[in-house]
Amino acid sequence: MRNDTKTDLYKLINTVDNIDDLNLIRSMVQVRNSELASETKSGLVIGDEVTISGSNRIESGKIVKINRTRAVVDCYDKNRDDMIHYTVPFSMIRKVAQPNG
């Protein structure tokens, strides 16, 4: 999404003057979030390289299991020189583009 679109959206949200309309917007955002998570899930297979965004950092890892609402991702922990299993919602996962060839 372009920055000017984000700014316009922010301005529109700030014009909302009642809780009912704000709750409707929140509901619409939740539905769209679920749709995007489903699209992400349908594009993933075990072994895919992914990034996980959360806690103000981005982790790289590999999909080891796909559940109904979350995926198990193995990430390398440099501090412990070990792999860590994270169970992550699809909304936090981005598939890493694989180079052609």
PDB file of N, CA and C in Angstrom:
ATOM      1  N   MET A   1       0.835  -1.163   0.000  1.00  0.00           N
ATOM      2  CA  MET A   1       0.000   0.000   0.000  1.00  0.00           C
ATOM      3  C   MET A   1       0.895   1.246   0.000  1.00  0.00           C
ATOM      4  N   ARG A   2       0.505   2.191  -0.794  1.00  0.00           N
ATOM      5  CA  ARG A   2       1.274   3.428  -0.896  1.00  0.00           C
ATOM      6  C   ARG A   2       1.109   4.269   0.366  1.00  0.00           C
ATOM      7  N   ASN A   3       2.112   5.081   0.673  1.00  0.00           N
ATOM      8  CA  ASN A   3       2.071   5.921   1.873  1.00  0.00           C
ATOM      9  C   ASN A   3       0.945   6.940   1.834  1.00  0.00           C
ATOM     10  N   ASP A   4       0.653   7.507   0.647  1.00  0.00           N
ATOM     11  CA  ASP A   4      -0.432   8.490   0.576  1.00  0.00           C
ATOM     12  C   ASP A   4      -1.777   7.818   0.825  1.00  0.00           C
ATOM     13  N   THR A   5      -1.922   6.563   0.429  1.00  0.00           N
ATOM     14  CA  THR A   5      -3.145   5.814   0.696  1.00  0.00           C
ATOM     15  C   THR A   5      -3.281   5.567   2.195  1.00  0.00           C
ATOM     16  N   LYS A   6      -2.175   5.234   2.855  1.00  0.00           N
ATOM     17  CA  LYS A   6      -2.199   5.031   4.304  1.00  0.00           C
ATOM     18  C   LYS A   6      -2.592   6.319   5.016  1.00  0.00           C
ATOM     19  N   THR A   7      -2.056   7.427   4.560  1.00  0.00           N
ATOM     20  CA  THR A   7      -2.382   8.714   5.166  1.00  0.00           C
ATOM     21  C   THR A   7      -3.859   9.038   4.998  1.00  0.00           C
ATOM     22  N   ASP A   8      -4.388   8.805   3.788  1.00  0.00           N
ATOM     23  CA  ASP A   8      -5.805   9.059   3.537  1.00  0.00           C
ATOM     24  C   ASP A   8      -6.678   8.160   4.416  1.00  0.00           C
ATOM     25  N   LEU A   9      -6.288   6.908   4.543  1.00  0.00           N
ATOM     26  CA  LEU A   9      -7.044   5.972   5.373  1.00  0.00           C
ATOM     27  C   LEU A   9      -7.034   6.412   6.833  1.00  0.00           C
ATOM     28  N   TYR A  10      -5.875   6.833   7.318  1.00  0.00           N
ATOM     29  CA  TYR A  10      -5.753   7.325   8.685  1.00  0.00           C
ATOM     30  C   TYR A  10      -6.671   8.531   8.913  1.00  0.00           C
ATOM     31  N   LYS A  11      -6.689   9.450   7.957  1.00  0.00           N
ATOM     32  CA  LYS A  11      -7.553  10.631   8.073  1.00  0.00           C
ATOM     33  C   LYS A  11      -9.023  10.239   8.105  1.00  0.00           C
ATOM     34  N   LEU A  12      -9.412   9.285   7.258  1.00  0.00           N
ATOM     35  CA  LEU A  12     -10.804   8.835   7.238  1.00  0.00           C
ATOM     36  C   LEU A  12     -11.201   8.171   8.554  1.00  0.00           C
ATOM     37  N   ILE A  13     -10.332   7.348   9.093  1.00  0.00           N
ATOM     38  CA  ILE A  13     -10.627   6.687  10.368  1.00  0.00           C
ATOM     39  C   ILE A  13     -10.802   7.725  11.471  1.00  0.00           C
ATOM     40  N   ASN A  14      -9.997   8.772  11.428  1.00  0.00           N
ATOM     41  CA  ASN A  14     -10.114   9.821  12.448  1.00  0.00           C
ATOM     42  C   ASN A  14     -11.387  10.644  12.326  1.00  0.00           C
ATOM     43  N   THR A  15     -12.110  10.528  11.224  1.00  0.00           N
ATOM     44  CA  THR A  15     -13.392  11.236  11.095  1.00  0.00           C
ATOM     45  C   THR A  15     -14.542  10.442  11.702  1.00  0.00           C
ATOM     46  N   VAL A  16     -14.305   9.178  12.061  1.00  0.00           N
ATOM     47  CA  VAL A  16     -15.356   8.355  12.664  1.00  0.00           C
ATOM     48  C   VAL A  16     -15.722   8.959  14.013  1.00  0.00           C
ATOM     49  N   ASP A  17     -17.029   9.149  14.226  1.00  0.00           N
ATOM     50  CA  ASP A  17     -17.457   9.835  15.445  1.00  0.00           C
ATOM     51  C   ASP A  17     -18.337   8.984  16.359  1.00  0.00           C
ATOM     52  N   ASN A  18     -18.421   7.651  16.086  1.00  0.00           N
ATOM     53  CA  ASN A  18     -19.177   6.808  17.004  1.00  0.00           C
ATOM     54  C   ASN A  18     -18.591   5.400  17.040  1.00  0.00           C
ATOM     55  N   ILE A  19     -18.804   4.737  18.155  1.00  0.00           N
ATOM     56  CA  ILE A  19     -18.227   3.409  18.400  1.00  0.00           C
ATOM     57  C   ILE A  19     -18.765   2.366  17.426  1.00  0.00           C
ATOM     58  N   ASP A  20     -20.026   2.454  17.059  1.00  0.00           N
ATOM     59  CA  ASP A  20     -20.612   1.460  16.153  1.00  0.00           C
ATOM     60  C   ASP A  20     -19.888   1.434  14.813  1.00  0.00           C
ATOM     61  N   ASP A  21     -19.615   2.597  14.269  1.00  0.00           N
ATOM     62  CA  ASP A  21     -18.891   2.655  13.000  1.00  0.00           C
ATOM     63  C   ASP A  21     -17.454   2.172  13.164  1.00  0.00           C
ATOM     64  N   LEU A  22     -16.831   2.523  14.278  1.00  0.00           N
ATOM     65  CA  LEU A  22     -15.467   2.076  14.531  1.00  0.00           C
ATOM     66  C   LEU A  22     -15.413   0.555  14.683  1.00  0.00           C
ATOM     67  N   ASN A  23     -16.403  -0.026  15.348  1.00  0.00           N
ATOM     68  CA  ASN A  23     -16.480  -1.488  15.469  1.00  0.00           C
ATOM     69  C   ASN A  23     -16.699  -2.150  14.115  1.00  0.00           C
ATOM     70  N   LEU A  24     -17.460  -1.519  13.248  1.00  0.00           N
ATOM     71  CA  LEU A  24     -17.658  -2.042  11.896  1.00  0.00           C
ATOM     72  C   LEU A  24     -16.337  -2.049  11.134  1.00  0.00           C
ATOM     73  N   ILE A  25     -15.571  -0.985  11.247  1.00  0.00           N
ATOM     74  CA  ILE A  25     -14.261  -0.916  10.585  1.00  0.00           C
ATOM     75  C   ILE A  25     -13.349  -2.008  11.130  1.00  0.00           C
ATOM     76  N   ARG A  26     -13.338  -2.184  12.451  1.00  0.00           N
ATOM     77  CA  ARG A  26     -12.501  -3.221  13.059  1.00  0.00           C
ATOM     78  C   ARG A  26     -12.901  -4.605  12.540  1.00  0.00           C
ATOM     79  N   SER A  27     -14.185  -4.847  12.442  1.00  0.00           N
ATOM     80  CA  SER A  27     -14.669  -6.123  11.925  1.00  0.00           C
ATOM     81  C   SER A  27     -14.215  -6.343  10.479  1.00  0.00           C
ATOM     82  N   MET A  28     -14.285  -5.301   9.668  1.00  0.00           N
ATOM     83  CA  MET A  28     -13.857  -5.394   8.275  1.00  0.00           C
ATOM     84  C   MET A  28     -12.362  -5.693   8.188  1.00  0.00           C
ATOM     85  N   VAL A  29     -11.564  -5.071   9.053  1.00  0.00           N
ATOM     86  CA  VAL A  29     -10.121  -5.311   9.070  1.00  0.00           C
ATOM     87  C   VAL A  29      -9.834  -6.752   9.480  1.00  0.00           C
ATOM     88  N   GLN A  30     -10.555  -7.264  10.476  1.00  0.00           N
ATOM     89  CA  GLN A  30     -10.361  -8.638  10.922  1.00  0.00           C
ATOM     90  C   GLN A  30     -10.685  -9.641   9.816  1.00  0.00           C
ATOM     91  N   VAL A  31     -11.755  -9.382   9.078  1.00  0.00           N
ATOM     92  CA  VAL A  31     -12.126 -10.261   7.965  1.00  0.00           C
ATOM     93  C   VAL A  31     -11.038 -10.252   6.907  1.00  0.00           C
ATOM     94  N   ARG A  32     -10.536  -9.076   6.567  1.00  0.00           N
ATOM     95  CA  ARG A  32      -9.479  -8.980   5.544  1.00  0.00           C
ATOM     96  C   ARG A  32      -8.197  -9.646   6.020  1.00  0.00           C
ATOM     97  N   ASN A  33      -7.884  -9.513   7.296  1.00  0.00           N
ATOM     98  CA  ASN A  33      -6.709 -10.155   7.863  1.00  0.00           C
ATOM     99  C   ASN A  33      -6.832 -11.676   7.732  1.00  0.00           C
ATOM    100  N   SER A  34      -7.999 -12.212   8.004  1.00  0.00           N
ATOM    101  CA  SER A  34      -8.235 -13.657   7.865  1.00  0.00           C
ATOM    102  C   SER A  34      -8.097 -14.099   6.412  1.00  0.00           C
ATOM    103  N   GLU A  35      -8.610 -13.288   5.498  1.00  0.00           N
ATOM    104  CA  GLU A  35      -8.491 -13.621   4.074  1.00  0.00           C
ATOM    105  C   GLU A  35      -7.033 -13.671   3.633  1.00  0.00           C
ATOM    106  N   LEU A  36      -6.253 -12.686   4.049  1.00  0.00           N
ATOM    107  CA  LEU A  36      -4.843 -12.650   3.668  1.00  0.00           C
ATOM    108  C   LEU A  36      -4.069 -13.804   4.304  1.00  0.00           C
ATOM    109  N   ALA A  37      -4.402 -14.158   5.545  1.00  0.00           N
ATOM    110  CA  ALA A  37      -3.752 -15.290   6.201  1.00  0.00           C
ATOM    111  C   ALA A  37      -4.068 -16.586   5.459  1.00  0.00           C
ATOM    112  N   SER A  38      -5.306 -16.743   4.996  1.00  0.00           N
ATOM    113  CA  SER A  38      -5.683 -17.935   4.226  1.00  0.00           C
ATOM    114  C   SER A  38      -4.922 -18.003   2.907  1.00  0.00           C
ATOM    115  N   GLU A  39      -4.756 -16.857   2.273  1.00  0.00           N
ATOM    116  CA  GLU A  39      -3.987 -16.820   1.026  1.00  0.00           C
ATOM    117  C   GLU A  39      -2.536 -17.217   1.283  1.00  0.00           C
ATOM    118  N   THR A  40      -1.981 -16.736   2.379  1.00  0.00           N
ATOM    119  CA  THR A  40      -0.607 -17.101   2.738  1.00  0.00           C
ATOM    120  C   THR A  40      -0.511 -18.597   2.973  1.00  0.00           C
ATOM    121  N   LYS A  41      -1.455 -19.147   3.737  1.00  0.00           N
ATOM    122  CA  LYS A  41      -1.437 -20.578   4.051  1.00  0.00           C
ATOM    123  C   LYS A  41      -1.490 -21.416   2.775  1.00  0.00           C
ATOM    124  N   SER A  42      -2.337 -21.046   1.847  1.00  0.00           N
ATOM    125  CA  SER A  42      -2.500 -21.851   0.632  1.00  0.00           C
ATOM    126  C   SER A  42      -1.243 -21.843  -0.237  1.00  0.00           C
ATOM    127  N   GLY A  43      -0.369 -20.856  -0.039  1.00  0.00           N
ATOM    128  CA  GLY A  43       0.855 -20.776  -0.832  1.00  0.00           C
ATOM    129  C   GLY A  43       2.064 -21.398  -0.166  1.00  0.00           C
ATOM    130  N   LEU A  44       1.887 -21.990   1.015  1.00  0.00           N
ATOM    131  CA  LEU A  44       3.013 -22.556   1.744  1.00  0.00           C
ATOM    132  C   LEU A  44       3.038 -24.080   1.661  1.00  0.00           C
ATOM    133  N   VAL A  45       4.250 -24.625   1.626  1.00  0.00           N
ATOM    134  CA  VAL A  45       4.455 -26.070   1.721  1.00  0.00           C
ATOM    135  C   VAL A  45       5.615 -26.310   2.684  1.00  0.00           C
ATOM    136  N   ILE A  46       5.648 -27.510   3.241  1.00  0.00           N
ATOM    137  CA  ILE A  46       6.725 -27.860   4.157  1.00  0.00           C
ATOM    138  C   ILE A  46       8.058 -27.710   3.426  1.00  0.00           C
ATOM    139  N   GLY A  47       9.019 -27.068   4.071  1.00  0.00           N
ATOM    140  CA  GLY A  47      10.332 -26.834   3.491  1.00  0.00           C
ATOM    141  C   GLY A  47      10.516 -25.439   2.933  1.00  0.00           C
ATOM    142  N   ASP A  48       9.424 -24.674   2.807  1.00  0.00           N
ATOM    143  CA  ASP A  48       9.535 -23.301   2.297  1.00  0.00           C
ATOM    144  C   ASP A  48      10.347 -22.434   3.249  1.00  0.00           C
ATOM    145  N   GLU A  49      11.189 -21.585   2.677  1.00  0.00           N
ATOM    146  CA  GLU A  49      11.921 -20.578   3.443  1.00  0.00           C
ATOM    147  C   GLU A  49      10.984 -19.401   3.660  1.00  0.00           C
ATOM    148  N   VAL A  50      10.905 -18.925   4.911  1.00  0.00           N
ATOM    149  CA  VAL A  50       9.993 -17.839   5.247  1.00  0.00           C
ATOM    150  C   VAL A  50      10.673 -16.853   6.190  1.00  0.00           C
ATOM    151  N   THR A  51      10.045 -15.696   6.320  1.00  0.00           N
ATOM    152  CA  THR A  51      10.417 -14.763   7.368  1.00  0.00           C
ATOM    153  C   THR A  51       9.206 -14.597   8.278  1.00  0.00           C
ATOM    154  N   ILE A  52       9.496 -14.344   9.546  1.00  0.00           N
ATOM    155  CA  ILE A  52       8.457 -14.137  10.541  1.00  0.00           C
ATOM    156  C   ILE A  52       8.643 -12.738  11.089  1.00  0.00           C
ATOM    157  N   SER A  53       7.586 -11.941  11.042  1.00  0.00           N
ATOM    158  CA  SER A  53       7.678 -10.588  11.588  1.00  0.00           C
ATOM    159  C   SER A  53       6.937 -10.546  12.914  1.00  0.00           C
ATOM    160  N   GLY A  54       7.593  -9.999  13.913  1.00  0.00           N
ATOM    161  CA  GLY A  54       6.974  -9.869  15.224  1.00  0.00           C
ATOM    162  C   GLY A  54       7.988  -9.444  16.247  1.00  0.00           C
ATOM    163  N   SER A  55       7.524  -8.917  17.352  1.00  0.00           N
ATOM    164  CA  SER A  55       8.381  -8.472  18.446  1.00  0.00           C
ATOM    165  C   SER A  55       9.482  -7.522  17.971  1.00  0.00           C
ATOM    166  N   ASN A  56       9.147  -6.658  17.036  1.00  0.00           N
ATOM    167  CA  ASN A  56      10.078  -5.653  16.513  1.00  0.00           C
ATOM    168  C   ASN A  56      11.331  -6.243  15.886  1.00  0.00           C
ATOM    169  N   ARG A  57      11.244  -7.475  15.392  1.00  0.00           N
ATOM    170  CA  ARG A  57      12.370  -8.074  14.682  1.00  0.00           C
ATOM    171  C   ARG A  57      11.829  -9.048  13.653  1.00  0.00           C
ATOM    172  N   ILE A  58      12.700  -9.445  12.745  1.00  0.00           N
ATOM    173  CA  ILE A  58      12.314 -10.393  11.699  1.00  0.00           C
ATOM    174  C   ILE A  58      13.234 -11.595  11.792  1.00  0.00           C
ATOM    175  N   GLU A  59      12.635 -12.773  11.876  1.00  0.00           N
ATOM    176  CA  GLU A  59      13.375 -14.035  11.938  1.00  0.00           C
ATOM    177  C   GLU A  59      13.251 -14.739  10.589  1.00  0.00           C
ATOM    178  N   SER A  60      14.279 -15.455  10.209  1.00  0.00           N
ATOM    179  CA  SER A  60      14.235 -16.300   9.017  1.00  0.00           C
ATOM    180  C   SER A  60      14.146 -17.744   9.461  1.00  0.00           C
ATOM    181  N   GLY A  61      13.410 -18.537   8.701  1.00  0.00           N
ATOM    182  CA  GLY A  61      13.279 -19.933   9.069  1.00  0.00           C
ATOM    183  C   GLY A  61      12.713 -20.779   7.955  1.00  0.00           C
ATOM    184  N   LYS A  62      12.365 -22.005   8.302  1.00  0.00           N
ATOM    185  CA  LYS A  62      11.852 -22.975   7.345  1.00  0.00           C
ATOM    186  C   LYS A  62      10.593 -23.624   7.918  1.00  0.00           C
ATOM    187  N   ILE A  63       9.568 -23.762   7.085  1.00  0.00           N
ATOM    188  CA  ILE A  63       8.308 -24.401   7.490  1.00  0.00           C
ATOM    189  C   ILE A  63       8.551 -25.895   7.719  1.00  0.00           C
ATOM    190  N   VAL A  64       8.164 -26.395   8.904  1.00  0.00           N
ATOM    191  CA  VAL A  64       8.301 -27.826   9.187  1.00  0.00           C
ATOM    192  C   VAL A  64       6.949 -28.507   9.364  1.00  0.00           C
ATOM    193  N   LYS A  65       5.896 -27.713   9.619  1.00  0.00           N
ATOM    194  CA  LYS A  65       4.560 -28.288   9.768  1.00  0.00           C
ATOM    195  C   LYS A  65       3.534 -27.200   9.513  1.00  0.00           C
ATOM    196  N   ILE A  66       2.432 -27.568   8.869  1.00  0.00           N
ATOM    197  CA  ILE A  66       1.353 -26.626   8.611  1.00  0.00           C
ATOM    198  C   ILE A  66       0.098 -27.121   9.321  1.00  0.00           C
ATOM    199  N   ASN A  67      -0.376 -26.331  10.270  1.00  0.00           N
ATOM    200  CA  ASN A  67      -1.592 -26.650  11.001  1.00  0.00           C
ATOM    201  C   ASN A  67      -2.756 -25.855  10.417  1.00  0.00           C
ATOM    202  N   ARG A  68      -3.912 -25.923  11.065  1.00  0.00           N
ATOM    203  CA  ARG A  68      -5.103 -25.252  10.562  1.00  0.00           C
ATOM    204  C   ARG A  68      -4.955 -23.729  10.578  1.00  0.00           C
ATOM    205  N   THR A  69      -4.456 -23.178  11.675  1.00  0.00           N
ATOM    206  CA  THR A  69      -4.373 -21.718  11.792  1.00  0.00           C
ATOM    207  C   THR A  69      -2.955 -21.194  11.949  1.00  0.00           C
ATOM    208  N   ARG A  70      -1.984 -22.095  12.120  1.00  0.00           N
ATOM    209  CA  ARG A  70      -0.604 -21.684  12.353  1.00  0.00           C
ATOM    210  C   ARG A  70       0.357 -22.661  11.674  1.00  0.00           C
ATOM    211  N   ALA A  71       1.586 -22.222  11.553  1.00  0.00           N
ATOM    212  CA  ALA A  71       2.626 -23.095  11.009  1.00  0.00           C
ATOM    213  C   ALA A  71       3.749 -23.201  12.033  1.00  0.00           C
ATOM    214  N   VAL A  72       4.420 -24.342  12.029  1.00  0.00           N
ATOM    215  CA  VAL A  72       5.604 -24.515  12.868  1.00  0.00           C
ATOM    216  C   VAL A  72       6.807 -24.184  11.998  1.00  0.00           C
ATOM    217  N   VAL A  73       7.624 -23.250  12.483  1.00  0.00           N
ATOM    218  CA  VAL A  73       8.773 -22.764  11.731  1.00  0.00           C
ATOM    219  C   VAL A  73      10.026 -22.991  12.570  1.00  0.00           C
ATOM    220  N   ASP A  74      11.035 -23.599  11.944  1.00  0.00           N
ATOM    221  CA  ASP A  74      12.344 -23.760  12.585  1.00  0.00           C
ATOM    222  C   ASP A  74      13.189 -22.539  12.261  1.00  0.00           C
ATOM    223  N   CYS A  75      13.705 -21.891  13.306  1.00  0.00           N
ATOM    224  CA  CYS A  75      14.590 -20.740  13.150  1.00  0.00           C
ATOM    225  C   CYS A  75      15.886 -21.029  13.885  1.00  0.00           C
ATOM    226  N   TYR A  76      16.983 -20.568  13.324  1.00  0.00           N
ATOM    227  CA  TYR A  76      18.288 -20.773  13.940  1.00  0.00           C
ATOM    228  C   TYR A  76      18.543 -19.684  14.972  1.00  0.00           C
ATOM    229  N   ASP A  77      18.888 -20.072  16.185  1.00  0.00           N
ATOM    230  CA  ASP A  77      19.220 -19.142  17.256  1.00  0.00           C
ATOM    231  C   ASP A  77      20.740 -19.063  17.382  1.00  0.00           C
ATOM    232  N   LYS A  78      21.318 -17.944  16.980  1.00  0.00           N
ATOM    233  CA  LYS A  78      22.780 -17.766  17.011  1.00  0.00           C
ATOM    234  C   LYS A  78      23.321 -17.819  18.435  1.00  0.00           C
ATOM    235  N   ASN A  79      22.551 -17.293  19.387  1.00  0.00           N
ATOM    236  CA  ASN A  79      23.022 -17.245  20.775  1.00  0.00           C
ATOM    237  C   ASN A  79      23.175 -18.635  21.377  1.00  0.00           C
ATOM    238  N   ARG A  80      22.274 -19.545  21.024  1.00  0.00           N
ATOM    239  CA  ARG A  80      22.326 -20.890  21.592  1.00  0.00           C
ATOM    240  C   ARG A  80      22.930 -21.904  20.631  1.00  0.00           C
ATOM    241  N   ASP A  81      23.242 -21.463  19.412  1.00  0.00           N
ATOM    242  CA  ASP A  81      23.753 -22.358  18.370  1.00  0.00           C
ATOM    243  C   ASP A  81      22.823 -23.570  18.236  1.00  0.00           C
ATOM    244  N   ASP A  82      21.520 -23.271  18.082  1.00  0.00           N
ATOM    245  CA  ASP A  82      20.508 -24.318  18.080  1.00  0.00           C
ATOM    246  C   ASP A  82      19.302 -23.855  17.258  1.00  0.00           C
ATOM    247  N   MET A  83      18.440 -24.798  16.927  1.00  0.00           N
ATOM    248  CA  MET A  83      17.198 -24.487  16.228  1.00  0.00           C
ATOM    249  C   MET A  83      16.088 -24.286  17.252  1.00  0.00           C
ATOM    250  N   ILE A  84      15.216 -23.329  16.995  1.00  0.00           N
ATOM    251  CA  ILE A  84      14.058 -23.067  17.846  1.00  0.00           C
ATOM    252  C   ILE A  84      12.812 -23.279  16.990  1.00  0.00           C
ATOM    253  N   HIS A  85      11.826 -23.965  17.545  1.00  0.00           N
ATOM    254  CA  HIS A  85      10.537 -24.152  16.878  1.00  0.00           C
ATOM    255  C   HIS A  85       9.598 -23.045  17.330  1.00  0.00           C
ATOM    256  N   TYR A  86       9.060 -22.308  16.373  1.00  0.00           N
ATOM    257  CA  TYR A  86       8.043 -21.308  16.665  1.00  0.00           C
ATOM    258  C   TYR A  86       6.738 -21.761  16.031  1.00  0.00           C
ATOM    259  N   THR A  87       5.650 -21.641  16.761  1.00  0.00           N
ATOM    260  CA  THR A  87       4.322 -21.853  16.194  1.00  0.00           C
ATOM    261  C   THR A  87       3.766 -20.469  15.897  1.00  0.00           C
ATOM    262  N   VAL A  88       3.574 -20.183  14.603  1.00  0.00           N
ATOM    263  CA  VAL A  88       3.345 -18.819  14.164  1.00  0.00           C
ATOM    264  C   VAL A  88       2.040 -18.704  13.381  1.00  0.00           C
ATOM    265  N   PRO A  89       1.229 -17.670  13.658  1.00  0.00           N
ATOM    266  CA  PRO A  89       0.040 -17.432  12.836  1.00  0.00           C
ATOM    267  C   PRO A  89       0.449 -17.072  11.405  1.00  0.00           C
ATOM    268  N   PHE A  90      -0.370 -17.483  10.452  1.00  0.00           N
ATOM    269  CA  PHE A  90      -0.057 -17.223   9.044  1.00  0.00           C
ATOM    270  C   PHE A  90       0.041 -15.726   8.737  1.00  0.00           C
ATOM    271  N   SER A  91      -0.637 -14.905   9.520  1.00  0.00           N
ATOM    272  CA  SER A  91      -0.597 -13.463   9.276  1.00  0.00           C
ATOM    273  C   SER A  91       0.787 -12.862   9.545  1.00  0.00           C
ATOM    274  N   MET A  92       1.652 -13.594  10.254  1.00  0.00           N
ATOM    275  CA  MET A  92       3.001 -13.101  10.560  1.00  0.00           C
ATOM    276  C   MET A  92       4.070 -13.701   9.652  1.00  0.00           C
ATOM    277  N   ILE A  93       3.659 -14.552   8.707  1.00  0.00           N
ATOM    278  CA  ILE A  93       4.617 -15.276   7.863  1.00  0.00           C
ATOM    279  C   ILE A  93       4.643 -14.666   6.467  1.00  0.00           C
ATOM    280  N   ARG A  94       5.853 -14.511   5.932  1.00  0.00           N
ATOM    281  CA  ARG A  94       6.049 -14.087   4.544  1.00  0.00           C
ATOM    282  C   ARG A  94       6.977 -15.101   3.876  1.00  0.00           C
ATOM    283  N   LYS A  95       6.550 -15.608   2.741  1.00  0.00           N
ATOM    284  CA  LYS A  95       7.363 -16.561   1.999  1.00  0.00           C
ATOM    285  C   LYS A  95       8.525 -15.824   1.333  1.00  0.00           C
ATOM    286  N   VAL A  96       9.714 -16.411   1.423  1.00  0.00           N
ATOM    287  CA  VAL A  96      10.894 -15.819   0.797  1.00  0.00           C
ATOM    288  C   VAL A  96      10.888 -16.211  -0.682  1.00  0.00           C
ATOM    289  N   ALA A  97      11.047 -15.221  -1.550  1.00  0.00           N
ATOM    290  CA  ALA A  97      11.067 -15.497  -2.987  1.00  0.00           C
ATOM    291  C   ALA A  97      12.291 -16.318  -3.332  1.00  0.00           C
ATOM    292  N   GLN A  98      12.081 -17.397  -4.056  1.00  0.00           N
ATOM    293  CA  GLN A  98      13.172 -18.259  -4.470  1.00  0.00           C
ATOM    294  C   GLN A  98      13.720 -17.770  -5.810  1.00  0.00           C
ATOM    295  N   PRO A  99      15.043 -17.746  -5.979  1.00  0.00           N
ATOM    296  CA  PRO A  99      15.622 -17.317  -7.252  1.00  0.00           C
ATOM    297  C   PRO A  99      15.274 -18.310  -8.359  1.00  0.00           C
ATOM    298  N   ASN A 100      15.104 -17.805  -9.555  1.00  0.00           N
ATOM    299  CA  ASN A 100      14.807 -18.681 -10.692  1.00  0.00           C
ATOM    300  C   ASN A 100      16.021 -19.503 -11.052  1.00  0.00           C
ATOM    301  N   GLY A 101      15.746 -20.746 -11.422  1.00  0.00           N
ATOM    302  CA  GLY A 101      16.859 -21.531 -11.909  1.00  0.00           C
ATOM    303  C   GLY A 101      17.063 -22.718 -11.104  1.00  0.00           C
TER     304      GLY A 101
END
